[in-house]
Amino acid sequence: MIVSIISIGDELLIGQTINTNAAWLGKELSLLGARIQQVLTISDDEQIIRKAIDESTADLCIVTGGLGPTKDDRTKKVLAAYFDMPLVEDKATLDHIADFFARRNRPMLPANIDQALLPNGCEILPNRLGTAAGMWFKAKGKSVISLPGIPYEMKGIFQEEILPRLRENYNLNALYHKTIITHGSGESFLAERIAAWETSLEEAKLSLAYLPSPGMVKLRIGSQKGKADTLLIEQKISELLTLIPELIVGYGDDTLSSVVAKLLANQYKTIGTVESCTAGSLASSFVNNSGSSQYYRGSLLTYQTDMKSSLLGIEREYIDRYDVVSEEVVKRMAEAGKEQLGVDYCLSTTGIMGPNAGDSQHPVGTVWIGLATDRGTITKKFQFGDNRLRNIEMSTLAALNLLRLVLLEE
């Protein structure tokens, strides 16, 4: 099955909203075994929408966006006219909309009622999470699905209404793949280190994709034979584990923070943070995981130098002697935090995030990370780049990985 994805909305074109819908649909459809022919982002304009549908040669075209209650949402009317299907009131949809607003104790406006006007002749796809129903058109030699642009509504309709129909009506050979999460090596260095292993994948008719992001590289092994190659893929992953054991963080949807969270919970250990340059990012990485109160105690945010003295008790003379971005200060930060927070481990961060304030001694991207444990304090220096947000992200990941390695040792 060949699929075309069309995303409608001026906010997508000007970068005001990131087009996460297309990425999510592409991933889900490829897992089913569909081949994505194109991903097209267009304006909410009648002629442009018509042209995009006309020119699509895919077996299935999925359109997202333009189904809201306001006048600038034109997709439904354009598709109804394109397929010569008059808009009529759909009672089931109207009842759902009425119940949707009643349960929220909000008035139902005429614009909301108009959302129950749907093309007579399309297959209506109920939207349990919102008021804009999905629509599946099968006419004029085209198969077009129209979905709302709100991500959680789009995903809900796709998973509940579309997936079962696709599996029933299309002969799909689902792609099977497994993703390995790595941290600590750039893409090119990683590729050089596992070159022979990658060649063995090609010989076994398996595919490999490198998916880099700041601080992380995901390796996705895939097979066009579906789950028939499950054991072969697991064997290849076992081989990779012997090559880069220290770099492999987890698999699939794992993140560094979720892996560390499991290790802390399983070992009944607690963690606290003392942050300067990361300014709460490290704390957020812990509490983003459900159940974090089991192991995460809290944080001391000592962004300015005087906070390191007043909150942590580090003498100003000590900070001036060694510099605020130094091994000595980050060590004291971690140790003071461990004592004050009453935790098994405490991570600390201090550095120059940039893009300004760097010097010859501490160029932008210089970061010290400390980890206080019952067996002593570990410190490590990193040199990242000159992008502020990227430096914060890289520092957070580096701190999490330092803790991960210590937890694995213990």
Protein backbone atom coordinates (compact mmCIF):
# COMPACT_ATOMS: atom_id res chain seq x y z
CA MET A 1 0.00 0.00 0.00
CA ILE A 2 1.39 3.38 -1.03
CA VAL A 3 0.34 6.31 1.13
CA SER A 4 0.50 10.07 0.68
CA ILE A 5 0.30 12.33 3.76
CA ILE A 6 -1.02 15.87 3.28
CA SER A 7 -0.86 18.32 6.17
CA ILE A 8 -3.02 21.45 5.89
CA GLY A 9 -2.38 24.68 7.78
CA ASP A 10 -0.62 28.01 7.35
CA GLU A 11 0.72 27.66 10.90
CA LEU A 12 2.72 24.63 9.71
CA LEU A 13 4.12 26.46 6.70
CA ILE A 14 5.43 29.43 8.68
CA GLY A 15 6.91 27.28 11.44
CA GLN A 16 4.52 28.46 14.12
CA THR A 17 3.49 24.84 14.75
CA ILE A 18 5.77 21.83 14.28
CA ASN A 19 4.24 19.18 12.02
CA THR A 20 4.38 16.26 14.43
CA ASN A 21 1.31 14.64 12.85
CA ALA A 22 3.13 13.74 9.64
CA ALA A 23 6.06 12.23 11.52
CA TRP A 24 3.76 10.16 13.73
CA LEU A 25 1.65 8.94 10.81
CA GLY A 26 4.75 8.08 8.80
CA LYS A 27 6.09 5.96 11.64
CA GLU A 28 2.80 4.16 12.32
CA LEU A 29 2.07 3.47 8.65
CA SER A 30 5.59 2.21 7.91
CA LEU A 31 5.29 -0.22 10.82
CA LEU A 32 2.17 -1.58 9.15
CA GLY A 33 4.13 -2.21 5.99
CA ALA A 34 2.86 0.80 4.02
CA ARG A 35 5.25 2.81 1.84
CA ILE A 36 5.09 6.57 2.26
CA GLN A 37 5.15 8.18 -1.16
CA GLN A 38 5.24 11.79 -0.03
CA VAL A 39 4.63 14.13 2.88
CA LEU A 40 3.14 17.40 1.66
CA THR A 41 2.39 20.53 3.70
CA ILE A 42 -0.02 22.98 2.09
CA SER A 43 -2.04 26.11 2.79
CA ASP A 44 -5.71 25.95 3.82
CA ASP A 45 -6.76 27.09 0.35
CA GLU A 46 -9.43 25.43 -1.79
CA GLN A 47 -7.50 25.32 -5.05
CA ILE A 48 -4.31 24.11 -3.40
CA ILE A 49 -6.17 21.33 -1.56
CA ARG A 50 -7.90 20.23 -4.77
CA LYS A 51 -4.59 20.21 -6.66
CA ALA A 52 -2.91 18.10 -3.96
CA ILE A 53 -5.70 15.49 -4.08
CA ASP A 54 -5.76 15.51 -7.89
CA GLU A 55 -2.02 14.92 -8.19
CA SER A 56 -1.81 12.17 -5.58
CA THR A 57 -1.20 8.75 -7.16
CA ALA A 58 -1.07 6.90 -3.84
CA ASP A 59 -3.42 4.06 -2.89
CA LEU A 60 -4.43 6.07 0.15
CA CYS A 61 -4.18 9.77 0.89
CA ILE A 62 -4.36 10.90 4.53
CA VAL A 63 -5.16 14.57 5.09
CA THR A 64 -4.80 16.25 8.48
CA GLY A 65 -6.00 19.69 9.56
CA GLY A 66 -8.67 22.21 8.66
CA LEU A 67 -11.63 20.53 10.39
CA GLY A 68 -12.16 22.99 13.25
CA PRO A 69 -15.27 25.11 13.90
CA THR A 70 -13.87 28.42 12.61
CA LYS A 71 -14.24 29.96 9.15
CA ASP A 72 -10.61 29.40 8.23
CA ASP A 73 -11.08 25.61 8.53
CA ARG A 74 -12.03 24.76 4.94
CA THR A 75 -11.02 21.13 4.47
CA LYS A 76 -14.45 19.54 5.01
CA LYS A 77 -16.26 21.85 2.57
CA VAL A 78 -13.53 21.50 -0.05
CA LEU A 79 -13.55 17.69 0.12
CA ALA A 80 -17.37 17.57 0.08
CA ALA A 81 -17.39 19.67 -3.10
CA TYR A 82 -14.50 17.70 -4.64
CA PHE A 83 -16.34 14.40 -4.21
CA ASP A 84 -19.78 15.88 -5.01
CA MET A 85 -21.19 14.96 -1.60
CA PRO A 86 -23.64 17.45 -0.04
CA LEU A 87 -23.26 18.29 3.64
CA VAL A 88 -26.02 16.81 5.80
CA GLU A 89 -26.51 16.63 9.54
CA ASP A 90 -25.24 13.40 11.07
CA LYS A 91 -27.30 12.66 14.17
CA ALA A 92 -24.74 10.43 15.85
CA THR A 93 -22.06 13.11 15.51
CA LEU A 94 -24.43 15.84 16.74
CA ASP A 95 -25.37 13.77 19.78
CA HIS A 96 -21.68 13.22 20.53
CA ILE A 97 -20.95 16.96 20.25
CA ALA A 98 -23.87 17.83 22.54
CA ASP A 99 -22.70 15.31 25.12
CA PHE A 100 -19.10 16.56 24.76
CA PHE A 101 -20.09 20.10 25.80
CA ALA A 102 -22.64 19.01 28.40
CA ARG A 103 -20.04 16.96 30.26
CA ARG A 104 -17.80 20.03 30.39
CA ASN A 105 -20.65 22.34 31.40
CA ARG A 106 -20.00 24.57 28.40
CA PRO A 107 -22.48 26.04 25.90
CA MET A 108 -22.64 24.55 22.41
CA LEU A 109 -22.29 27.32 19.84
CA PRO A 110 -23.72 27.30 16.28
CA ALA A 111 -20.20 26.74 14.94
CA ASN A 112 -19.95 23.58 17.04
CA ILE A 113 -23.32 22.35 15.77
CA ASP A 114 -22.12 22.89 12.20
CA GLN A 115 -19.37 20.32 12.83
CA ALA A 116 -22.12 17.67 12.65
CA LEU A 117 -22.72 18.64 9.00
CA LEU A 118 -20.80 15.94 7.15
CA PRO A 119 -20.52 14.86 3.50
CA ASN A 120 -23.32 12.47 2.55
CA GLY A 121 -21.53 9.46 1.06
CA CYS A 122 -18.29 9.37 3.04
CA GLU A 123 -17.58 6.93 5.86
CA ILE A 124 -17.71 8.85 9.13
CA LEU A 125 -14.92 8.13 11.61
CA PRO A 126 -16.07 9.01 15.16
CA ASN A 127 -13.82 11.26 17.23
CA ARG A 128 -14.18 10.16 20.83
CA LEU A 129 -11.74 12.81 22.06
CA GLY A 130 -13.08 15.87 20.24
CA THR A 131 -15.84 17.34 18.09
CA ALA A 132 -14.39 17.09 14.56
CA ALA A 133 -15.25 13.70 13.06
CA GLY A 134 -12.88 12.02 10.65
CA MET A 135 -14.04 11.19 7.11
CA TRP A 136 -13.08 8.46 4.64
CA PHE A 137 -13.90 9.21 1.00
CA LYS A 138 -13.89 6.43 -1.60
CA ALA A 139 -14.95 7.97 -4.89
CA LYS A 140 -13.60 9.24 -8.23
CA GLY A 141 -10.87 6.59 -8.10
CA LYS A 142 -9.49 8.08 -4.89
CA SER A 143 -9.28 6.88 -1.29
CA VAL A 144 -8.90 9.90 0.99
CA ILE A 145 -9.03 10.04 4.78
CA SER A 146 -9.52 13.43 6.45
CA LEU A 147 -8.49 13.79 10.11
CA PRO A 148 -8.41 16.71 12.56
CA GLY A 149 -5.07 18.44 13.07
CA ILE A 150 -5.09 18.32 16.87
CA PRO A 151 -2.51 15.57 17.50
CA TYR A 152 -4.24 13.59 20.25
CA GLU A 153 -7.55 13.62 18.35
CA MET A 154 -5.84 12.56 15.12
CA LYS A 155 -4.03 9.72 16.89
CA GLY A 156 -7.21 8.57 18.62
CA ILE A 157 -9.18 8.28 15.37
CA PHE A 158 -6.27 6.59 13.61
CA GLN A 159 -5.78 3.97 16.31
CA GLU A 160 -9.44 3.30 17.05
CA GLU A 161 -11.05 3.62 13.62
CA ILE A 162 -8.48 3.46 10.84
CA LEU A 163 -6.01 0.81 11.95
CA PRO A 164 -8.63 -1.97 12.17
CA ARG A 165 -9.95 -1.06 8.71
CA LEU A 166 -6.48 -1.00 7.15
CA ARG A 167 -5.62 -4.41 8.56
CA GLU A 168 -8.92 -5.81 7.34
CA ASN A 169 -8.90 -4.35 3.81
CA TYR A 170 -5.22 -4.28 2.82
CA ASN A 171 -2.70 -7.09 2.51
CA LEU A 172 0.05 -5.49 4.56
CA ASN A 173 3.43 -7.07 5.25
CA ALA A 174 4.29 -5.30 8.48
CA LEU A 175 7.87 -4.12 8.85
CA TYR A 176 9.50 -5.50 11.97
CA HIS A 177 12.22 -3.49 13.58
CA LYS A 178 13.93 -2.94 16.89
CA THR A 179 15.66 0.24 18.01
CA ILE A 180 18.79 0.39 20.16
CA ILE A 181 19.41 3.64 22.08
CA THR A 182 23.06 4.69 22.43
CA HIS A 183 24.74 7.57 24.26
CA GLY A 184 28.33 8.71 24.45
CA SER A 185 29.51 8.54 20.83
CA GLY A 186 28.79 10.60 17.73
CA GLU A 187 27.25 9.04 14.63
CA SER A 188 30.45 8.89 12.56
CA PHE A 189 32.59 7.42 15.38
CA LEU A 190 29.87 4.91 16.16
CA ALA A 191 29.59 3.88 12.50
CA GLU A 192 33.33 3.32 12.28
CA ARG A 193 33.35 1.22 15.42
CA ILE A 194 30.55 -1.11 14.29
CA ALA A 195 31.39 -1.17 10.57
CA ALA A 196 32.02 -4.93 10.41
CA TRP A 197 28.82 -5.64 12.34
CA GLU A 198 26.85 -3.39 9.96
CA THR A 199 28.24 -5.37 7.01
CA SER A 200 26.98 -8.57 8.61
CA LEU A 201 23.47 -7.05 8.73
CA GLU A 202 23.57 -6.37 5.00
CA GLU A 203 24.63 -9.95 4.37
CA ALA A 204 21.68 -11.14 6.47
CA LYS A 205 19.28 -8.93 4.41
CA LEU A 206 18.56 -6.70 7.40
CA SER A 207 18.46 -2.90 7.22
CA LEU A 208 20.11 -0.43 9.59
CA ALA A 209 19.22 3.23 10.07
CA TYR A 210 21.16 5.78 12.12
CA LEU A 211 18.82 8.22 13.89
CA PRO A 212 20.96 10.90 15.59
CA SER A 213 19.76 13.55 18.03
CA PRO A 214 21.65 15.73 20.54
CA GLY A 215 23.68 13.38 22.73
CA MET A 216 21.98 10.25 21.40
CA VAL A 217 22.13 7.96 18.37
CA LYS A 218 19.37 5.43 17.78
CA LEU A 219 20.17 2.35 15.71
CA ARG A 220 17.10 0.84 14.06
CA ILE A 221 17.44 -2.70 12.72
CA GLY A 222 14.62 -3.71 10.39
CA SER A 223 13.37 -6.62 8.33
CA GLN A 224 10.93 -6.67 5.43
CA LYS A 225 10.03 -10.25 6.37
CA GLY A 226 8.15 -9.05 9.43
CA LYS A 227 8.42 -11.00 12.67
CA ALA A 228 9.91 -13.99 10.85
CA ASP A 229 13.33 -12.37 11.46
CA THR A 230 12.76 -11.68 15.16
CA LEU A 231 15.32 -14.24 16.36
CA LEU A 232 17.88 -13.09 13.80
CA ILE A 233 17.53 -9.47 14.90
CA GLU A 234 17.87 -10.44 18.56
CA GLN A 235 21.03 -12.37 17.69
CA LYS A 236 22.49 -9.31 15.96
CA ILE A 237 21.65 -7.13 18.96
CA SER A 238 23.47 -9.60 21.22
CA GLU A 239 26.52 -9.27 18.97
CA LEU A 240 26.30 -5.48 19.21
CA LEU A 241 26.21 -5.68 23.00
CA THR A 242 29.66 -7.25 22.97
CA LEU A 243 31.00 -4.47 20.74
CA ILE A 244 29.67 -1.34 22.49
CA PRO A 245 28.32 -2.40 25.91
CA GLU A 246 29.09 0.94 27.55
CA LEU A 247 27.20 2.91 24.88
CA ILE A 248 23.91 1.02 24.85
CA VAL A 249 21.35 2.75 27.06
CA GLY A 250 18.13 0.94 26.21
CA TYR A 251 15.71 -0.10 23.49
CA GLY A 252 12.59 1.09 21.71
CA ASP A 253 10.96 4.01 23.51
CA ASP A 254 13.46 4.01 26.39
CA THR A 255 15.05 7.32 27.35
CA LEU A 256 18.06 7.94 29.55
CA SER A 257 15.80 9.28 32.29
CA SER A 258 13.41 6.31 32.12
CA VAL A 259 16.31 3.84 32.26
CA VAL A 260 17.84 5.63 35.25
CA ALA A 261 14.40 5.77 36.90
CA LYS A 262 14.06 1.98 36.67
CA LEU A 263 17.54 1.44 38.09
CA LEU A 264 16.85 3.76 41.04
CA ALA A 265 13.47 2.17 41.75
CA ASN A 266 14.81 -1.38 41.49
CA GLN A 267 17.69 -0.60 43.86
CA TYR A 268 15.50 1.39 46.27
CA LYS A 269 17.84 4.38 45.97
CA THR A 270 17.02 8.08 46.13
CA ILE A 271 18.37 10.97 44.06
CA GLY A 272 18.48 14.74 44.42
CA THR A 273 19.88 17.48 42.19
CA VAL A 274 21.76 20.73 42.65
CA GLU A 275 21.68 22.70 39.43
CA SER A 276 23.34 25.82 38.16
CA CYS A 277 23.79 25.85 34.38
CA THR A 278 21.00 23.33 33.66
CA ALA A 279 18.55 25.45 35.70
CA GLY A 280 16.00 22.73 36.48
CA SER A 281 16.28 20.68 33.30
CA LEU A 282 17.84 17.79 35.21
CA ALA A 283 15.07 17.87 37.82
CA SER A 284 12.44 17.85 35.06
CA SER A 285 14.04 14.81 33.44
CA PHE A 286 13.38 12.83 36.62
CA VAL A 287 9.85 13.99 37.36
CA ASN A 288 8.76 13.45 33.75
CA ASN A 289 8.61 9.76 34.65
CA SER A 290 5.53 8.44 36.38
CA GLY A 291 6.23 7.28 39.93
CA SER A 292 9.23 9.58 40.32
CA SER A 293 8.30 10.40 43.93
CA GLN A 294 9.54 6.91 44.80
CA TYR A 295 13.16 7.91 44.18
CA TYR A 296 13.39 11.66 43.45
CA ARG A 297 13.56 13.83 46.58
CA GLY A 298 14.01 17.36 45.22
CA SER A 299 16.35 19.98 43.86
CA LEU A 300 18.29 23.06 44.91
CA LEU A 301 18.48 25.57 42.08
CA THR A 302 21.61 27.66 42.65
CA TYR A 303 21.84 29.51 39.37
CA GLN A 304 23.59 32.62 40.69
CA THR A 305 26.85 32.43 42.60
CA ASP A 306 25.46 33.83 45.86
CA MET A 307 22.84 31.05 45.92
CA LYS A 308 25.65 28.51 46.11
CA SER A 309 26.74 30.21 49.29
CA SER A 310 23.37 30.92 50.92
CA LEU A 311 21.66 27.61 50.02
CA LEU A 312 24.62 25.22 50.02
CA GLY A 313 26.96 26.87 52.51
CA ILE A 314 29.89 27.06 50.06
CA GLU A 315 32.06 29.99 51.17
CA ARG A 316 32.34 32.83 48.69
CA GLU A 317 36.12 32.84 49.19
CA TYR A 318 36.22 29.17 48.14
CA ILE A 319 34.22 29.88 44.98
CA ASP A 320 36.41 32.89 44.12
CA ARG A 321 39.57 30.83 44.67
CA TYR A 322 38.64 27.98 42.35
CA ASP A 323 36.06 29.68 40.08
CA VAL A 324 32.35 28.91 39.94
CA VAL A 325 32.89 26.61 36.94
CA SER A 326 35.39 24.21 38.43
CA GLU A 327 35.83 20.67 39.67
CA GLU A 328 36.17 21.86 43.26
CA VAL A 329 32.90 23.81 43.26
CA VAL A 330 30.82 21.17 41.49
CA LYS A 331 32.14 18.60 43.97
CA ARG A 332 31.10 20.74 46.95
CA MET A 333 27.70 21.36 45.32
CA ALA A 334 26.99 17.64 44.99
CA GLU A 335 28.17 16.84 48.52
CA ALA A 336 26.22 19.67 50.13
CA GLY A 337 23.11 18.70 48.19
CA LYS A 338 23.42 15.07 49.23
CA GLU A 339 23.56 16.08 52.85
CA GLN A 340 20.76 18.66 52.76
CA LEU A 341 18.39 16.56 50.66
CA GLY A 342 19.13 13.34 52.53
CA VAL A 343 19.58 11.21 49.41
CA ASP A 344 21.71 8.28 48.31
CA TYR A 345 22.94 10.18 45.25
CA CYS A 346 23.12 13.85 44.32
CA LEU A 347 23.95 15.23 40.87
CA SER A 348 25.32 18.76 40.44
CA THR A 349 25.96 20.90 37.37
CA THR A 350 27.85 24.12 36.71
CA GLY A 351 29.05 25.53 33.41
CA ILE A 352 28.97 28.16 30.67
CA MET A 353 25.92 27.65 28.45
CA GLY A 354 26.57 30.58 26.13
CA PRO A 355 26.42 32.03 23.64
CA ASN A 356 28.20 34.75 25.67
CA ALA A 357 30.34 34.90 28.83
CA GLY A 358 32.96 32.38 27.76
CA ASP A 359 36.70 33.09 28.05
CA SER A 360 40.02 31.39 27.31
CA GLN A 361 39.89 29.46 30.58
CA HIS A 362 36.24 28.47 30.24
CA PRO A 363 35.05 28.59 26.63
CA VAL A 364 31.32 28.42 25.96
CA GLY A 365 30.10 24.85 26.43
CA THR A 366 32.41 24.06 29.37
CA VAL A 367 30.44 22.02 31.91
CA TRP A 368 31.39 20.26 35.15
CA ILE A 369 29.13 17.53 36.52
CA GLY A 370 29.38 16.06 40.00
CA LEU A 371 27.84 12.95 41.53
CA ALA A 372 28.00 12.47 45.29
CA THR A 373 27.56 8.88 46.49
CA ASP A 374 28.06 7.00 49.75
CA ARG A 375 31.43 5.84 48.39
CA GLY A 376 32.73 9.26 47.40
CA THR A 377 32.18 11.97 44.81
CA ILE A 378 32.75 11.62 41.08
CA THR A 379 33.40 14.68 38.90
CA LYS A 380 33.64 14.92 35.16
CA LYS A 381 34.33 17.76 32.74
CA PHE A 382 32.63 18.13 29.37
CA GLN A 383 33.16 20.47 26.45
CA PHE A 384 30.02 20.96 24.39
CA GLY A 385 29.27 23.50 21.66
CA ASP A 386 28.08 27.09 21.47
CA ASN A 387 24.31 26.53 21.26
CA ARG A 388 22.72 27.36 24.59
CA LEU A 389 19.66 25.08 24.46
CA ARG A 390 21.66 22.22 23.02
CA ASN A 391 24.26 22.62 25.78
CA ILE A 392 21.57 22.40 28.45
CA GLU A 393 20.18 19.25 26.83
CA MET A 394 23.62 17.66 26.42
CA SER A 395 24.54 18.48 30.03
CA THR A 396 21.34 16.90 31.31
CA LEU A 397 21.97 13.73 29.31
CA ALA A 398 25.60 13.56 30.42
CA ALA A 399 24.57 13.84 34.07
CA LEU A 400 21.95 11.12 33.69
CA ASN A 401 24.42 8.83 31.96
CA LEU A 402 27.01 9.35 34.70
CA LEU A 403 24.43 8.23 37.25
CA ARG A 404 23.37 5.31 35.03
CA LEU A 405 26.91 3.95 34.83
CA VAL A 406 27.38 4.19 38.61
CA LEU A 407 24.04 2.45 39.24
CA LEU A 408 25.02 -0.35 36.86
CA GLU A 409 28.32 -0.84 38.66
CA GLU A 410 26.54 -1.15 41.98
